[in-house]
Amino acid sequence: MAIIIRLDRVLADRKVKSVDLANKLGLSPLSLSRLKTGKVKAVKIETMDGLCKLLDCQPADIFEYVPDDECDGLFGIDD
């Protein structure tokens, strides 16, 4: 199972800078960067709510689920 984070794409589409979004969410730029790169284990519902409000999007615009059988080789990792 893989969850692909598309936050960079959403930010680019809306011409929003990461640092501006982090400030509006009350997050540090480092915390937002970790979210964008998938280096987090959890995302607070409050953060998701803020992302969706500020970016005028749905959670599915930011996160994409890819089943295991479709992930093979996706990240250059062979199981």
N, C-alpha and C. Protein backbone atom coordinates (compact mmCIF):
# COMPACT_ATOMS: atom_id res chain seq x y z
N MET A 1 0.85 -1.18 0.00
CA MET A 1 0.00 0.00 0.00
C MET A 1 0.88 1.23 0.00
N ALA A 2 0.48 2.22 -0.77
CA ALA A 2 1.20 3.48 -0.79
C ALA A 2 0.19 4.63 -0.86
N ILE A 3 0.47 5.63 -0.09
CA ILE A 3 -0.29 6.86 -0.17
C ILE A 3 0.64 7.87 -0.82
N ILE A 4 0.24 8.38 -1.95
CA ILE A 4 1.04 9.36 -2.68
C ILE A 4 0.50 10.74 -2.33
N ILE A 5 1.40 11.62 -1.93
CA ILE A 5 1.01 12.96 -1.53
C ILE A 5 1.22 13.91 -2.70
N ARG A 6 0.15 14.56 -3.11
CA ARG A 6 0.14 15.45 -4.27
C ARG A 6 0.06 16.93 -3.86
N LEU A 7 0.50 17.25 -2.66
CA LEU A 7 0.38 18.61 -2.17
C LEU A 7 1.16 19.60 -3.03
N ASP A 8 2.34 19.22 -3.50
CA ASP A 8 3.12 20.11 -4.37
C ASP A 8 2.33 20.50 -5.62
N ARG A 9 1.64 19.52 -6.20
CA ARG A 9 0.86 19.78 -7.41
C ARG A 9 -0.28 20.75 -7.12
N VAL A 10 -0.96 20.54 -5.99
CA VAL A 10 -2.08 21.42 -5.62
C VAL A 10 -1.57 22.84 -5.37
N LEU A 11 -0.45 22.95 -4.68
CA LEU A 11 0.14 24.28 -4.43
C LEU A 11 0.50 24.97 -5.74
N ALA A 12 1.11 24.25 -6.66
CA ALA A 12 1.50 24.82 -7.95
C ALA A 12 0.28 25.25 -8.75
N ASP A 13 -0.75 24.41 -8.76
CA ASP A 13 -1.97 24.74 -9.50
C ASP A 13 -2.61 26.02 -8.99
N ARG A 14 -2.50 26.25 -7.69
CA ARG A 14 -3.14 27.42 -7.08
C ARG A 14 -2.17 28.58 -6.86
N LYS A 15 -0.92 28.37 -7.31
CA LYS A 15 0.12 29.40 -7.18
C LYS A 15 0.27 29.89 -5.74
N VAL A 16 0.33 28.92 -4.82
CA VAL A 16 0.49 29.20 -3.39
C VAL A 16 1.88 28.75 -2.98
N LYS A 17 2.59 29.60 -2.24
CA LYS A 17 3.92 29.26 -1.75
C LYS A 17 3.79 28.45 -0.46
N SER A 18 4.66 27.46 -0.32
CA SER A 18 4.64 26.60 0.86
C SER A 18 4.75 27.39 2.15
N VAL A 19 5.64 28.37 2.19
CA VAL A 19 5.85 29.14 3.41
C VAL A 19 4.60 29.93 3.78
N ASP A 20 3.89 30.45 2.77
CA ASP A 20 2.64 31.18 3.03
C ASP A 20 1.57 30.25 3.59
N LEU A 21 1.48 29.06 3.00
CA LEU A 21 0.49 28.08 3.47
C LEU A 21 0.82 27.65 4.90
N ALA A 22 2.09 27.39 5.17
CA ALA A 22 2.50 26.98 6.52
C ALA A 22 2.11 28.04 7.54
N ASN A 23 2.37 29.30 7.22
CA ASN A 23 2.02 30.39 8.14
C ASN A 23 0.52 30.45 8.39
N LYS A 24 -0.28 30.31 7.35
CA LYS A 24 -1.73 30.38 7.50
C LYS A 24 -2.27 29.19 8.29
N LEU A 25 -1.60 28.04 8.18
CA LEU A 25 -2.03 26.84 8.91
C LEU A 25 -1.51 26.83 10.34
N GLY A 26 -0.55 27.70 10.63
CA GLY A 26 0.05 27.68 11.96
C GLY A 26 1.07 26.55 12.11
N LEU A 27 1.65 26.12 10.99
CA LEU A 27 2.68 25.09 10.99
C LEU A 27 4.03 25.72 10.69
N SER A 28 5.08 25.05 11.10
CA SER A 28 6.40 25.51 10.70
C SER A 28 6.61 25.10 9.25
N PRO A 29 7.44 25.83 8.52
CA PRO A 29 7.74 25.42 7.14
C PRO A 29 8.32 24.00 7.10
N LEU A 30 9.09 23.62 8.13
CA LEU A 30 9.66 22.27 8.17
C LEU A 30 8.56 21.22 8.28
N SER A 31 7.56 21.47 9.12
CA SER A 31 6.45 20.52 9.27
C SER A 31 5.70 20.35 7.95
N LEU A 32 5.46 21.45 7.25
CA LEU A 32 4.77 21.36 5.96
C LEU A 32 5.64 20.62 4.94
N SER A 33 6.93 20.87 4.97
CA SER A 33 7.84 20.17 4.07
C SER A 33 7.82 18.68 4.32
N ARG A 34 7.80 18.28 5.58
CA ARG A 34 7.72 16.85 5.91
C ARG A 34 6.42 16.24 5.42
N LEU A 35 5.34 16.98 5.51
CA LEU A 35 4.06 16.50 4.99
C LEU A 35 4.14 16.32 3.48
N LYS A 36 4.69 17.33 2.80
CA LYS A 36 4.78 17.27 1.33
C LYS A 36 5.62 16.10 0.85
N THR A 37 6.65 15.74 1.61
CA THR A 37 7.54 14.66 1.18
C THR A 37 7.14 13.30 1.73
N GLY A 38 6.05 13.25 2.50
CA GLY A 38 5.57 11.98 3.02
C GLY A 38 6.35 11.47 4.22
N LYS A 39 7.10 12.34 4.88
CA LYS A 39 7.91 11.93 6.02
C LYS A 39 7.17 12.12 7.34
N VAL A 40 5.86 11.94 7.30
CA VAL A 40 5.04 11.99 8.51
C VAL A 40 4.28 10.68 8.61
N LYS A 41 3.91 10.32 9.84
CA LYS A 41 3.16 9.08 10.05
C LYS A 41 1.67 9.36 10.20
N ALA A 42 1.33 10.61 10.46
CA ALA A 42 -0.07 10.96 10.67
C ALA A 42 -0.29 12.43 10.30
N VAL A 43 -1.54 12.72 9.97
CA VAL A 43 -1.94 14.10 9.68
C VAL A 43 -3.19 14.37 10.51
N LYS A 44 -3.15 15.43 11.28
CA LYS A 44 -4.31 15.79 12.10
C LYS A 44 -5.47 16.18 11.20
N ILE A 45 -6.67 15.82 11.62
CA ILE A 45 -7.87 16.21 10.89
C ILE A 45 -7.94 17.74 10.80
N GLU A 46 -7.53 18.41 11.86
CA GLU A 46 -7.50 19.87 11.88
C GLU A 46 -6.60 20.42 10.76
N THR A 47 -5.46 19.78 10.53
CA THR A 47 -4.55 20.19 9.46
C THR A 47 -5.17 19.93 8.11
N MET A 48 -5.79 18.75 7.95
CA MET A 48 -6.47 18.45 6.67
C MET A 48 -7.58 19.45 6.39
N ASP A 49 -8.33 19.78 7.43
CA ASP A 49 -9.41 20.75 7.28
C ASP A 49 -8.85 22.09 6.80
N GLY A 50 -7.77 22.53 7.42
CA GLY A 50 -7.14 23.79 7.03
C GLY A 50 -6.61 23.75 5.61
N LEU A 51 -5.96 22.65 5.24
CA LEU A 51 -5.45 22.51 3.87
C LEU A 51 -6.58 22.62 2.85
N CYS A 52 -7.66 21.88 3.10
CA CYS A 52 -8.78 21.88 2.16
C CYS A 52 -9.45 23.25 2.07
N LYS A 53 -9.60 23.93 3.20
CA LYS A 53 -10.21 25.27 3.19
C LYS A 53 -9.34 26.26 2.44
N LEU A 54 -8.05 26.30 2.80
CA LEU A 54 -7.15 27.29 2.22
C LEU A 54 -6.85 27.04 0.74
N LEU A 55 -6.84 25.77 0.35
CA LEU A 55 -6.53 25.43 -1.04
C LEU A 55 -7.78 25.16 -1.87
N ASP A 56 -8.95 25.27 -1.24
CA ASP A 56 -10.22 25.02 -1.93
C ASP A 56 -10.17 23.70 -2.69
N CYS A 57 -9.92 22.62 -1.93
CA CYS A 57 -9.80 21.31 -2.55
C CYS A 57 -10.41 20.24 -1.65
N GLN A 58 -10.39 19.03 -2.12
CA GLN A 58 -10.84 17.86 -1.38
C GLN A 58 -9.61 17.06 -0.93
N PRO A 59 -9.73 16.27 0.14
CA PRO A 59 -8.58 15.45 0.56
C PRO A 59 -8.03 14.59 -0.58
N ALA A 60 -8.89 14.10 -1.44
CA ALA A 60 -8.44 13.25 -2.56
C ALA A 60 -7.61 14.02 -3.57
N ASP A 61 -7.66 15.35 -3.56
CA ASP A 61 -6.79 16.14 -4.42
C ASP A 61 -5.36 16.12 -3.90
N ILE A 62 -5.21 15.90 -2.60
CA ILE A 62 -3.90 15.93 -1.95
C ILE A 62 -3.31 14.54 -1.77
N PHE A 63 -4.16 13.57 -1.43
CA PHE A 63 -3.71 12.21 -1.16
C PHE A 63 -4.30 11.23 -2.16
N GLU A 64 -3.45 10.32 -2.65
CA GLU A 64 -3.91 9.29 -3.57
C GLU A 64 -3.46 7.93 -3.04
N TYR A 65 -4.38 7.00 -2.99
CA TYR A 65 -4.08 5.63 -2.57
C TYR A 65 -3.76 4.79 -3.78
N VAL A 66 -2.65 4.06 -3.70
CA VAL A 66 -2.28 3.13 -4.77
C VAL A 66 -2.13 1.76 -4.14
N PRO A 67 -2.93 0.77 -4.56
CA PRO A 67 -2.83 -0.59 -4.00
C PRO A 67 -1.45 -1.20 -4.24
N ASP A 68 -1.11 -2.19 -3.41
CA ASP A 68 0.20 -2.83 -3.48
C ASP A 68 0.56 -3.32 -4.88
N ASP A 69 -0.37 -3.97 -5.56
CA ASP A 69 -0.06 -4.53 -6.86
C ASP A 69 0.23 -3.46 -7.92
N GLU A 70 -0.23 -2.26 -7.70
CA GLU A 70 0.06 -1.16 -8.62
C GLU A 70 1.31 -0.40 -8.22
N CYS A 71 1.82 -0.65 -7.01
CA CYS A 71 3.00 0.05 -6.48
C CYS A 71 4.30 -0.59 -6.92
N ASP A 72 4.26 -1.83 -7.34
CA ASP A 72 5.49 -2.54 -7.68
C ASP A 72 6.32 -1.73 -8.66
N GLY A 73 7.52 -1.39 -8.23
CA GLY A 73 8.42 -0.62 -9.08
C GLY A 73 8.14 0.86 -9.10
N LEU A 74 7.06 1.31 -8.48
CA LEU A 74 6.68 2.72 -8.52
C LEU A 74 7.74 3.61 -7.90
N PHE A 75 8.35 3.12 -6.83
CA PHE A 75 9.34 3.92 -6.12
C PHE A 75 10.76 3.38 -6.33
N GLY A 76 10.93 2.54 -7.32
CA GLY A 76 12.23 1.96 -7.59
C GLY A 76 12.62 0.88 -6.60
N ILE A 77 11.62 0.35 -5.90
CA ILE A 77 11.86 -0.68 -4.90
C ILE A 77 11.21 -1.97 -5.38
N ASP A 78 11.99 -3.00 -5.47
CA ASP A 78 11.44 -4.31 -5.85
C ASP A 78 11.26 -5.14 -4.61
N ASP A 79 10.04 -5.65 -4.41
CA ASP A 79 9.76 -6.48 -3.23
C ASP A 79 10.09 -7.92 -3.49
